[in-house]
All heavy atoms as atom14 arrays in JSON, in Angstrom:
{
  "sequence": "HFLCGAGVEAGVPTVPSGSGLTLNCYNLRPKSRGSVRLRSGNYTDRP",
  "atom14_mask": [
    [1, 1, 1, 1, 1, 1, 1, 1, 1, 1, 0, 0, 0, 0],
    [1, 1, 1, 1, 1, 1, 1, 1, 1, 1, 1, 0, 0, 0],
    [1, 1, 1, 1, 1, 1, 1, 1, 0, 0, 0, 0, 0, 0],
    [1, 1, 1, 1, 1, 1, 0, 0, 0, 0, 0, 0, 0, 0],
    [1, 1, 1, 1, 0, 0, 0, 0, 0, 0, 0, 0, 0, 0],
    [1, 1, 1, 1, 1, 0, 0, 0, 0, 0, 0, 0, 0, 0],
    [1, 1, 1, 1, 0, 0, 0, 0, 0, 0, 0, 0, 0, 0],
    [1, 1, 1, 1, 1, 1, 1, 0, 0, 0, 0, 0, 0, 0],
    [1, 1, 1, 1, 1, 1, 1, 1, 1, 0, 0, 0, 0, 0],
    [1, 1, 1, 1, 1, 0, 0, 0, 0, 0, 0, 0, 0, 0],
    [1, 1, 1, 1, 0, 0, 0, 0, 0, 0, 0, 0, 0, 0],
    [1, 1, 1, 1, 1, 1, 1, 0, 0, 0, 0, 0, 0, 0],
    [1, 1, 1, 1, 1, 1, 1, 0, 0, 0, 0, 0, 0, 0],
    [1, 1, 1, 1, 1, 1, 1, 0, 0, 0, 0, 0, 0, 0],
    [1, 1, 1, 1, 1, 1, 1, 0, 0, 0, 0, 0, 0, 0],
    [1, 1, 1, 1, 1, 1, 1, 0, 0, 0, 0, 0, 0, 0],
    [1, 1, 1, 1, 1, 1, 0, 0, 0, 0, 0, 0, 0, 0],
    [1, 1, 1, 1, 0, 0, 0, 0, 0, 0, 0, 0, 0, 0],
    [1, 1, 1, 1, 1, 1, 0, 0, 0, 0, 0, 0, 0, 0],
    [1, 1, 1, 1, 0, 0, 0, 0, 0, 0, 0, 0, 0, 0],
    [1, 1, 1, 1, 1, 1, 1, 1, 0, 0, 0, 0, 0, 0],
    [1, 1, 1, 1, 1, 1, 1, 0, 0, 0, 0, 0, 0, 0],
    [1, 1, 1, 1, 1, 1, 1, 1, 0, 0, 0, 0, 0, 0],
    [1, 1, 1, 1, 1, 1, 1, 1, 0, 0, 0, 0, 0, 0],
    [1, 1, 1, 1, 1, 1, 0, 0, 0, 0, 0, 0, 0, 0],
    [1, 1, 1, 1, 1, 1, 1, 1, 1, 1, 1, 1, 0, 0],
    [1, 1, 1, 1, 1, 1, 1, 1, 0, 0, 0, 0, 0, 0],
    [1, 1, 1, 1, 1, 1, 1, 1, 0, 0, 0, 0, 0, 0],
    [1, 1, 1, 1, 1, 1, 1, 1, 1, 1, 1, 0, 0, 0],
    [1, 1, 1, 1, 1, 1, 1, 0, 0, 0, 0, 0, 0, 0],
    [1, 1, 1, 1, 1, 1, 1, 1, 1, 0, 0, 0, 0, 0],
    [1, 1, 1, 1, 1, 1, 0, 0, 0, 0, 0, 0, 0, 0],
    [1, 1, 1, 1, 1, 1, 1, 1, 1, 1, 1, 0, 0, 0],
    [1, 1, 1, 1, 0, 0, 0, 0, 0, 0, 0, 0, 0, 0],
    [1, 1, 1, 1, 1, 1, 0, 0, 0, 0, 0, 0, 0, 0],
    [1, 1, 1, 1, 1, 1, 1, 0, 0, 0, 0, 0, 0, 0],
    [1, 1, 1, 1, 1, 1, 1, 1, 1, 1, 1, 0, 0, 0],
    [1, 1, 1, 1, 1, 1, 1, 1, 0, 0, 0, 0, 0, 0],
    [1, 1, 1, 1, 1, 1, 1, 1, 1, 1, 1, 0, 0, 0],
    [1, 1, 1, 1, 1, 1, 0, 0, 0, 0, 0, 0, 0, 0],
    [1, 1, 1, 1, 0, 0, 0, 0, 0, 0, 0, 0, 0, 0],
    [1, 1, 1, 1, 1, 1, 1, 1, 0, 0, 0, 0, 0, 0],
    [1, 1, 1, 1, 1, 1, 1, 1, 1, 1, 1, 1, 0, 0],
    [1, 1, 1, 1, 1, 1, 1, 0, 0, 0, 0, 0, 0, 0],
    [1, 1, 1, 1, 1, 1, 1, 1, 0, 0, 0, 0, 0, 0],
    [1, 1, 1, 1, 1, 1, 1, 1, 1, 1, 1, 0, 0, 0],
    [1, 1, 1, 1, 1, 1, 1, 0, 0, 0, 0, 0, 0, 0]
  ],
  "atom14_positions": [
    [[15.06, 13.5, -16.67], [13.92, 14.3, -17.18], [13.87, 15.56, -16.33], [13.69, 15.54, -15.11], [12.59, 13.52, -17.06], [12.53, 12.27, -17.91], [13.09, 11.08, -17.34], [12.07, 12.04, -19.12], [12.89, 10.12, -18.37], [12.25, 10.71, -19.36], [0.0, 0.0, 0.0], [0.0, 0.0, 0.0], [0.0, 0.0, 0.0], [0.0, 0.0, 0.0]],
    [[13.96, 16.64, -17.02], [13.88, 18.02, -16.38], [12.46, 18.54, -16.62], [12.0, 18.76, -17.73], [14.91, 18.95, -16.96], [14.78, 20.38, -16.38], [15.35, 20.58, -15.07], [14.12, 21.35, -17.05], [15.24, 21.95, -14.54], [14.04, 22.71, -16.44], [14.63, 22.88, -15.21], [0.0, 0.0, 0.0], [0.0, 0.0, 0.0], [0.0, 0.0, 0.0]],
    [[11.73, 18.84, -15.42], [10.36, 19.41, -15.52], [10.41, 20.85, -15.04], [10.94, 21.23, -13.99], [9.47, 18.7, -14.6], [9.07, 17.23, -14.97], [10.23, 16.21, -14.78], [7.85, 16.75, -14.24], [0.0, 0.0, 0.0], [0.0, 0.0, 0.0], [0.0, 0.0, 0.0], [0.0, 0.0, 0.0], [0.0, 0.0, 0.0], [0.0, 0.0, 0.0]],
    [[9.93, 21.71, -15.86], [9.89, 23.19, -15.6], [8.72, 23.55, -14.64], [7.91, 24.37, -14.96], [9.81, 23.92, -16.86], [10.25, 25.64, -16.64], [0.0, 0.0, 0.0], [0.0, 0.0, 0.0], [0.0, 0.0, 0.0], [0.0, 0.0, 0.0], [0.0, 0.0, 0.0], [0.0, 0.0, 0.0], [0.0, 0.0, 0.0], [0.0, 0.0, 0.0]],
    [[8.7, 22.8, -13.5], [7.66, 23.06, -12.53], [7.87, 22.03, -11.34], [8.69, 21.13, -11.47], [0.0, 0.0, 0.0], [0.0, 0.0, 0.0], [0.0, 0.0, 0.0], [0.0, 0.0, 0.0], [0.0, 0.0, 0.0], [0.0, 0.0, 0.0], [0.0, 0.0, 0.0], [0.0, 0.0, 0.0], [0.0, 0.0, 0.0], [0.0, 0.0, 0.0]],
    [[7.17, 22.32, -10.31], [7.26, 21.43, -9.07], [5.83, 20.91, -8.78], [4.82, 21.6, -9.06], [7.76, 22.15, -7.84], [0.0, 0.0, 0.0], [0.0, 0.0, 0.0], [0.0, 0.0, 0.0], [0.0, 0.0, 0.0], [0.0, 0.0, 0.0], [0.0, 0.0, 0.0], [0.0, 0.0, 0.0], [0.0, 0.0, 0.0], [0.0, 0.0, 0.0]],
    [[5.76, 19.68, -8.31], [4.43, 19.09, -7.97], [3.7, 18.72, -9.22], [2.46, 18.67, -9.14], [0.0, 0.0, 0.0], [0.0, 0.0, 0.0], [0.0, 0.0, 0.0], [0.0, 0.0, 0.0], [0.0, 0.0, 0.0], [0.0, 0.0, 0.0], [0.0, 0.0, 0.0], [0.0, 0.0, 0.0], [0.0, 0.0, 0.0], [0.0, 0.0, 0.0]],
    [[4.34, 18.49, -10.43], [3.64, 18.31, -11.6], [3.03, 16.92, -11.58], [1.9, 16.83, -12.06], [4.68, 18.31, -12.8], [3.94, 18.01, -14.06], [5.23, 19.77, -12.89], [0.0, 0.0, 0.0], [0.0, 0.0, 0.0], [0.0, 0.0, 0.0], [0.0, 0.0, 0.0], [0.0, 0.0, 0.0], [0.0, 0.0, 0.0], [0.0, 0.0, 0.0]],
    [[3.64, 15.95, -11.04], [3.13, 14.57, -11.1], [2.67, 14.13, -9.7], [3.13, 14.61, -8.62], [4.23, 13.53, -11.56], [4.64, 13.89, -13.05], [5.87, 13.03, -13.45], [5.55, 11.74, -13.76], [6.91, 13.5, -13.42], [0.0, 0.0, 0.0], [0.0, 0.0, 0.0], [0.0, 0.0, 0.0], [0.0, 0.0, 0.0], [0.0, 0.0, 0.0]],
    [[1.76, 13.14, -9.71], [1.27, 12.71, -8.36], [2.37, 12.26, -7.49], [3.2, 11.46, -7.85], [0.22, 11.56, -8.58], [0.0, 0.0, 0.0], [0.0, 0.0, 0.0], [0.0, 0.0, 0.0], [0.0, 0.0, 0.0], [0.0, 0.0, 0.0], [0.0, 0.0, 0.0], [0.0, 0.0, 0.0], [0.0, 0.0, 0.0], [0.0, 0.0, 0.0]],
    [[2.4, 12.72, -6.21], [3.34, 12.27, -5.23], [4.64, 13.14, -5.28], [5.51, 12.89, -4.28], [0.0, 0.0, 0.0], [0.0, 0.0, 0.0], [0.0, 0.0, 0.0], [0.0, 0.0, 0.0], [0.0, 0.0, 0.0], [0.0, 0.0, 0.0], [0.0, 0.0, 0.0], [0.0, 0.0, 0.0], [0.0, 0.0, 0.0], [0.0, 0.0, 0.0]],
    [[4.84, 14.07, -6.12], [6.03, 14.99, -6.11], [5.66, 16.27, -5.47], [4.64, 16.92, -5.84], [6.51, 15.16, -7.6], [7.73, 16.07, -7.53], [6.81, 13.8, -8.23], [0.0, 0.0, 0.0], [0.0, 0.0, 0.0], [0.0, 0.0, 0.0], [0.0, 0.0, 0.0], [0.0, 0.0, 0.0], [0.0, 0.0, 0.0], [0.0, 0.0, 0.0]],
    [[6.47, 16.77, -4.44], [6.01, 17.89, -3.7], [6.07, 19.28, -4.5], [6.88, 19.35, -5.45], [6.95, 17.92, -2.53], [8.21, 17.2, -3.02], [7.73, 16.13, -3.96], [0.0, 0.0, 0.0], [0.0, 0.0, 0.0], [0.0, 0.0, 0.0], [0.0, 0.0, 0.0], [0.0, 0.0, 0.0], [0.0, 0.0, 0.0], [0.0, 0.0, 0.0]],
    [[5.27, 20.17, -4.12], [5.33, 21.51, -4.56], [6.37, 22.33, -3.69], [6.99, 21.76, -2.82], [3.95, 22.24, -4.57], [3.49, 22.21, -3.12], [2.94, 21.59, -5.27], [0.0, 0.0, 0.0], [0.0, 0.0, 0.0], [0.0, 0.0, 0.0], [0.0, 0.0, 0.0], [0.0, 0.0, 0.0], [0.0, 0.0, 0.0], [0.0, 0.0, 0.0]],
    [[6.51, 23.59, -3.97], [7.49, 24.39, -3.14], [6.58, 25.56, -2.44], [5.64, 25.96, -2.98], [8.59, 25.01, -4.1], [9.48, 23.87, -4.53], [8.06, 25.76, -5.17], [0.0, 0.0, 0.0], [0.0, 0.0, 0.0], [0.0, 0.0, 0.0], [0.0, 0.0, 0.0], [0.0, 0.0, 0.0], [0.0, 0.0, 0.0], [0.0, 0.0, 0.0]],
    [[7.11, 26.06, -1.32], [6.35, 27.04, -0.59], [6.08, 28.34, -1.37], [4.99, 28.83, -1.28], [7.23, 27.3, 0.69], [8.0, 26.02, 0.82], [8.3, 25.57, -0.54], [0.0, 0.0, 0.0], [0.0, 0.0, 0.0], [0.0, 0.0, 0.0], [0.0, 0.0, 0.0], [0.0, 0.0, 0.0], [0.0, 0.0, 0.0], [0.0, 0.0, 0.0]],
    [[7.03, 28.79, -2.16], [6.79, 30.01, -2.95], [5.96, 29.92, -4.11], [5.54, 30.88, -4.65], [8.12, 30.59, -3.29], [8.73, 29.65, -4.2], [0.0, 0.0, 0.0], [0.0, 0.0, 0.0], [0.0, 0.0, 0.0], [0.0, 0.0, 0.0], [0.0, 0.0, 0.0], [0.0, 0.0, 0.0], [0.0, 0.0, 0.0], [0.0, 0.0, 0.0]],
    [[5.68, 28.58, -4.55], [4.88, 28.39, -5.74], [5.69, 28.44, -6.99], [5.12, 28.58, -8.11], [0.0, 0.0, 0.0], [0.0, 0.0, 0.0], [0.0, 0.0, 0.0], [0.0, 0.0, 0.0], [0.0, 0.0, 0.0], [0.0, 0.0, 0.0], [0.0, 0.0, 0.0], [0.0, 0.0, 0.0], [0.0, 0.0, 0.0], [0.0, 0.0, 0.0]],
    [[7.03, 28.45, -6.94], [7.8, 28.48, -8.23], [9.01, 27.55, -8.08], [9.95, 27.78, -7.23], [8.32, 29.93, -8.53], [8.98, 29.96, -9.76], [0.0, 0.0, 0.0], [0.0, 0.0, 0.0], [0.0, 0.0, 0.0], [0.0, 0.0, 0.0], [0.0, 0.0, 0.0], [0.0, 0.0, 0.0], [0.0, 0.0, 0.0], [0.0, 0.0, 0.0]],
    [[8.93, 26.46, -8.73], [9.94, 25.46, -8.54], [10.29, 24.66, -9.82], [9.63, 24.86, -10.89], [0.0, 0.0, 0.0], [0.0, 0.0, 0.0], [0.0, 0.0, 0.0], [0.0, 0.0, 0.0], [0.0, 0.0, 0.0], [0.0, 0.0, 0.0], [0.0, 0.0, 0.0], [0.0, 0.0, 0.0], [0.0, 0.0, 0.0], [0.0, 0.0, 0.0]],
    [[11.25, 23.8, -9.71], [11.73, 22.95, -10.8], [11.84, 21.45, -10.22], [12.03, 21.27, -9.06], [13.05, 23.34, -11.3], [13.23, 24.75, -11.92], [14.69, 25.11, -12.13], [12.41, 25.01, -13.16], [0.0, 0.0, 0.0], [0.0, 0.0, 0.0], [0.0, 0.0, 0.0], [0.0, 0.0, 0.0], [0.0, 0.0, 0.0], [0.0, 0.0, 0.0]],
    [[11.81, 20.52, -11.19], [11.91, 19.14, -10.76], [12.97, 18.54, -11.73], [12.88, 18.72, -12.95], [10.67, 18.39, -10.94], [9.71, 19.02, -10.1], [10.83, 17.03, -10.3], [0.0, 0.0, 0.0], [0.0, 0.0, 0.0], [0.0, 0.0, 0.0], [0.0, 0.0, 0.0], [0.0, 0.0, 0.0], [0.0, 0.0, 0.0], [0.0, 0.0, 0.0]],
    [[13.95, 17.68, -11.21], [14.75, 16.8, -11.95], [14.64, 15.37, -11.55], [14.73, 15.07, -10.35], [16.2, 17.3, -11.83], [17.27, 16.43, -12.77], [16.77, 16.57, -14.2], [18.61, 17.01, -12.48], [0.0, 0.0, 0.0], [0.0, 0.0, 0.0], [0.0, 0.0, 0.0], [0.0, 0.0, 0.0], [0.0, 0.0, 0.0], [0.0, 0.0, 0.0]],
    [[14.18, 14.6, -12.49], [13.95, 13.11, -12.21], [15.09, 12.38, -12.96], [15.54, 12.68, -14.07], [12.62, 12.7, -12.78], [12.38, 11.27, -12.82], [12.84, 10.53, -13.79], [11.73, 10.78, -11.83], [0.0, 0.0, 0.0], [0.0, 0.0, 0.0], [0.0, 0.0, 0.0], [0.0, 0.0, 0.0], [0.0, 0.0, 0.0], [0.0, 0.0, 0.0]],
    [[15.51, 11.27, -12.25], [16.56, 10.35, -12.91], [16.25, 8.9, -12.59], [15.49, 8.64, -11.69], [17.95, 10.76, -12.49], [18.24, 10.38, -10.75], [0.0, 0.0, 0.0], [0.0, 0.0, 0.0], [0.0, 0.0, 0.0], [0.0, 0.0, 0.0], [0.0, 0.0, 0.0], [0.0, 0.0, 0.0], [0.0, 0.0, 0.0], [0.0, 0.0, 0.0]],
    [[16.72, 7.99, -13.43], [16.54, 6.6, -13.12], [17.67, 5.84, -13.84], [18.33, 6.24, -14.81], [15.24, 6.07, -13.52], [14.67, 6.34, -14.95], [15.25, 5.73, -16.07], [13.49, 7.03, -15.2], [14.77, 5.99, -17.29], [12.98, 7.35, -16.4], [13.55, 6.75, -17.55], [13.08, 6.92, -18.67], [0.0, 0.0, 0.0], [0.0, 0.0, 0.0]],
    [[17.9, 4.61, -13.24], [18.78, 3.58, -13.82], [18.1, 3.03, -15.06], [17.03, 2.55, -14.89], [18.96, 2.64, -12.71], [19.71, 1.36, -13.22], [20.37, 1.35, -14.31], [19.63, 0.25, -12.45], [0.0, 0.0, 0.0], [0.0, 0.0, 0.0], [0.0, 0.0, 0.0], [0.0, 0.0, 0.0], [0.0, 0.0, 0.0], [0.0, 0.0, 0.0]],
    [[18.86, 3.02, -16.15], [18.18, 2.64, -17.4], [17.93, 1.11, -17.56], [16.99, 0.76, -18.24], [19.01, 3.07, -18.59], [19.0, 4.57, -19.01], [20.12, 4.94, -20.0], [17.54, 4.88, -19.53], [0.0, 0.0, 0.0], [0.0, 0.0, 0.0], [0.0, 0.0, 0.0], [0.0, 0.0, 0.0], [0.0, 0.0, 0.0], [0.0, 0.0, 0.0]],
    [[18.67, 0.33, -16.99], [18.6, -1.1, -17.15], [18.56, -1.87, -15.86], [19.55, -2.52, -15.47], [19.68, -1.63, -18.11], [19.61, -1.03, -19.5], [20.75, -1.35, -20.39], [20.59, -0.47, -21.6], [21.11, 0.71, -21.74], [21.72, 1.19, -20.58], [20.97, 1.42, -22.77], [0.0, 0.0, 0.0], [0.0, 0.0, 0.0], [0.0, 0.0, 0.0]],
    [[17.54, -1.7, -15.04], [17.45, -2.38, -13.7], [17.5, -3.89, -13.8], [17.13, -4.49, -14.83], [16.21, -1.91, -13.11], [15.33, -1.52, -14.27], [16.34, -1.05, -15.34], [0.0, 0.0, 0.0], [0.0, 0.0, 0.0], [0.0, 0.0, 0.0], [0.0, 0.0, 0.0], [0.0, 0.0, 0.0], [0.0, 0.0, 0.0], [0.0, 0.0, 0.0]],
    [[18.17, -4.43, -12.78], [18.3, -5.93, -12.73], [17.05, -6.53, -12.02], [16.76, -7.78, -12.14], [19.55, -6.33, -12.15], [20.78, -5.94, -12.89], [22.07, -6.38, -12.11], [23.35, -6.04, -12.84], [24.55, -6.39, -12.12], [0.0, 0.0, 0.0], [0.0, 0.0, 0.0], [0.0, 0.0, 0.0], [0.0, 0.0, 0.0], [0.0, 0.0, 0.0]],
    [[16.42, -5.76, -11.16], [15.26, -6.28, -10.36], [14.12, -6.7, -11.3], [13.72, -6.07, -12.27], [14.81, -5.19, -9.46], [15.84, -4.77, -8.58], [0.0, 0.0, 0.0], [0.0, 0.0, 0.0], [0.0, 0.0, 0.0], [0.0, 0.0, 0.0], [0.0, 0.0, 0.0], [0.0, 0.0, 0.0], [0.0, 0.0, 0.0], [0.0, 0.0, 0.0]],
    [[13.56, -7.8, -10.85], [12.4, -8.35, -11.62], [11.18, -8.65, -10.65], [11.39, -9.1, -9.49], [12.71, -9.74, -12.23], [13.8, -9.55, -13.41], [13.34, -8.73, -14.56], [14.3, -8.65, -15.6], [15.22, -7.72, -15.79], [15.24, -6.72, -14.89], [16.05, -7.78, -16.77], [0.0, 0.0, 0.0], [0.0, 0.0, 0.0], [0.0, 0.0, 0.0]],
    [[10.08, -8.29, -11.12], [8.83, -8.47, -10.28], [7.78, -9.25, -10.99], [8.14, -10.07, -11.85], [0.0, 0.0, 0.0], [0.0, 0.0, 0.0], [0.0, 0.0, 0.0], [0.0, 0.0, 0.0], [0.0, 0.0, 0.0], [0.0, 0.0, 0.0], [0.0, 0.0, 0.0], [0.0, 0.0, 0.0], [0.0, 0.0, 0.0], [0.0, 0.0, 0.0]],
    [[6.54, -9.01, -10.64], [5.44, -9.84, -11.18], [4.13, -9.18, -11.22], [3.95, -8.2, -10.55], [5.39, -11.14, -10.29], [4.96, -10.78, -8.98], [0.0, 0.0, 0.0], [0.0, 0.0, 0.0], [0.0, 0.0, 0.0], [0.0, 0.0, 0.0], [0.0, 0.0, 0.0], [0.0, 0.0, 0.0], [0.0, 0.0, 0.0], [0.0, 0.0, 0.0]],
    [[3.24, -9.8, -12.04], [1.84, -9.45, -11.97], [1.1, -10.72, -11.75], [1.22, -11.71, -12.43], [1.37, -8.81, -13.4], [-0.11, -8.63, -13.4], [2.08, -7.53, -13.72], [0.0, 0.0, 0.0], [0.0, 0.0, 0.0], [0.0, 0.0, 0.0], [0.0, 0.0, 0.0], [0.0, 0.0, 0.0], [0.0, 0.0, 0.0], [0.0, 0.0, 0.0]],
    [[0.19, -10.75, -10.7], [-0.59, -11.78, -10.37], [-2.01, -11.5, -10.22], [-2.34, -10.27, -9.99], [-0.09, -12.5, -9.01], [1.16, -13.27, -9.21], [1.01, -14.51, -10.06], [2.2, -15.24, -10.22], [2.96, -15.18, -11.39], [2.64, -14.39, -12.28], [4.15, -15.93, -11.49], [0.0, 0.0, 0.0], [0.0, 0.0, 0.0], [0.0, 0.0, 0.0]],
    [[-2.94, -12.31, -10.3], [-4.38, -12.1, -10.09], [-4.69, -12.0, -8.72], [-4.17, -12.67, -7.81], [-5.29, -13.2, -10.81], [-5.23, -13.41, -12.3], [-6.05, -14.51, -12.64], [-5.56, -12.08, -13.03], [0.0, 0.0, 0.0], [0.0, 0.0, 0.0], [0.0, 0.0, 0.0], [0.0, 0.0, 0.0], [0.0, 0.0, 0.0], [0.0, 0.0, 0.0]],
    [[-5.55, -11.05, -8.32], [-6.09, -10.93, -7.0], [-7.19, -12.03, -6.75], [-7.46, -12.55, -5.74], [-6.66, -9.52, -6.77], [-6.99, -9.23, -5.27], [-7.54, -7.82, -5.22], [-6.52, -6.79, -5.69], [-5.52, -6.26, -4.97], [-5.52, -6.52, -3.69], [-4.72, -5.43, -5.53], [0.0, 0.0, 0.0], [0.0, 0.0, 0.0], [0.0, 0.0, 0.0]],
    [[-7.88, -12.27, -7.93], [-9.04, -13.19, -7.86], [-9.26, -13.59, -9.39], [-8.74, -13.1, -10.27], [-10.26, -12.57, -7.28], [-10.86, -11.65, -8.07], [0.0, 0.0, 0.0], [0.0, 0.0, 0.0], [0.0, 0.0, 0.0], [0.0, 0.0, 0.0], [0.0, 0.0, 0.0], [0.0, 0.0, 0.0], [0.0, 0.0, 0.0], [0.0, 0.0, 0.0]],
    [[-10.34, -14.51, -9.4], [-10.74, -14.79, -10.82], [-11.72, -13.81, -11.35], [-12.29, -14.03, -12.49], [0.0, 0.0, 0.0], [0.0, 0.0, 0.0], [0.0, 0.0, 0.0], [0.0, 0.0, 0.0], [0.0, 0.0, 0.0], [0.0, 0.0, 0.0], [0.0, 0.0, 0.0], [0.0, 0.0, 0.0], [0.0, 0.0, 0.0], [0.0, 0.0, 0.0]],
    [[-11.99, -12.71, -10.69], [-13.01, -11.68, -11.22], [-12.28, -10.66, -11.99], [-11.31, -10.0, -11.58], [-13.64, -11.03, -9.99], [-14.75, -10.03, -10.35], [-14.8, -9.59, -11.39], [-15.71, -9.89, -9.43], [0.0, 0.0, 0.0], [0.0, 0.0, 0.0], [0.0, 0.0, 0.0], [0.0, 0.0, 0.0], [0.0, 0.0, 0.0], [0.0, 0.0, 0.0]],
    [[-12.71, -10.46, -13.25], [-12.05, -9.62, -14.15], [-12.03, -8.13, -13.69], [-11.2, -7.35, -14.2], [-12.56, -9.76, -15.62], [-13.94, -9.0, -15.81], [-13.91, -7.7, -16.43], [-15.21, -9.49, -15.32], [-15.19, -7.03, -16.61], [-16.3, -8.78, -15.6], [-16.31, -7.58, -16.09], [-17.45, -6.81, -16.28], [0.0, 0.0, 0.0], [0.0, 0.0, 0.0]],
    [[-12.97, -7.79, -12.92], [-13.0, -6.42, -12.39], [-12.08, -6.01, -11.34], [-11.81, -4.95, -10.99], [-14.5, -6.05, -11.91], [-14.85, -6.76, -10.78], [-15.58, -6.19, -12.98], [0.0, 0.0, 0.0], [0.0, 0.0, 0.0], [0.0, 0.0, 0.0], [0.0, 0.0, 0.0], [0.0, 0.0, 0.0], [0.0, 0.0, 0.0], [0.0, 0.0, 0.0]],
    [[-11.55, -7.07, -10.71], [-10.52, -6.83, -9.58], [-9.23, -6.48, -10.14], [-8.7, -6.95, -11.1], [-10.38, -8.08, -8.76], [-11.49, -8.3, -7.79], [-12.37, -7.4, -7.64], [-11.56, -9.43, -7.27], [0.0, 0.0, 0.0], [0.0, 0.0, 0.0], [0.0, 0.0, 0.0], [0.0, 0.0, 0.0], [0.0, 0.0, 0.0], [0.0, 0.0, 0.0]],
    [[-8.56, -5.43, -9.5], [-7.23, -4.99, -9.95], [-6.22, -6.18, -9.64], [-6.34, -6.75, -8.57], [-6.84, -3.76, -9.2], [-7.72, -2.59, -9.53], [-7.49, -1.37, -8.54], [-8.34, -0.25, -8.82], [-8.53, 0.81, -8.08], [-7.84, 0.8, -6.91], [-9.29, 1.73, -8.41], [0.0, 0.0, 0.0], [0.0, 0.0, 0.0], [0.0, 0.0, 0.0]],
    [[-5.24, -6.21, -10.59], [-4.18, -7.33, -10.26], [-3.21, -6.94, -9.26], [-3.28, -5.73, -8.85], [-3.57, -7.43, -11.74], [-3.67, -6.03, -12.19], [-4.99, -5.52, -11.83], [0.0, 0.0, 0.0], [0.0, 0.0, 0.0], [0.0, 0.0, 0.0], [0.0, 0.0, 0.0], [0.0, 0.0, 0.0], [0.0, 0.0, 0.0], [0.0, 0.0, 0.0]]
  ]
}
């Protein structure tokens, strides 16, 4: 994914001059598997 700017998304740095580009890449079919679990039985708590 090519972004015509820098610092567009949260956590991605800007550049000192204020004019930049970002190129993002990822593995399309990762083998790693994770999980979602409850923090508590309270529906307002984030999982």
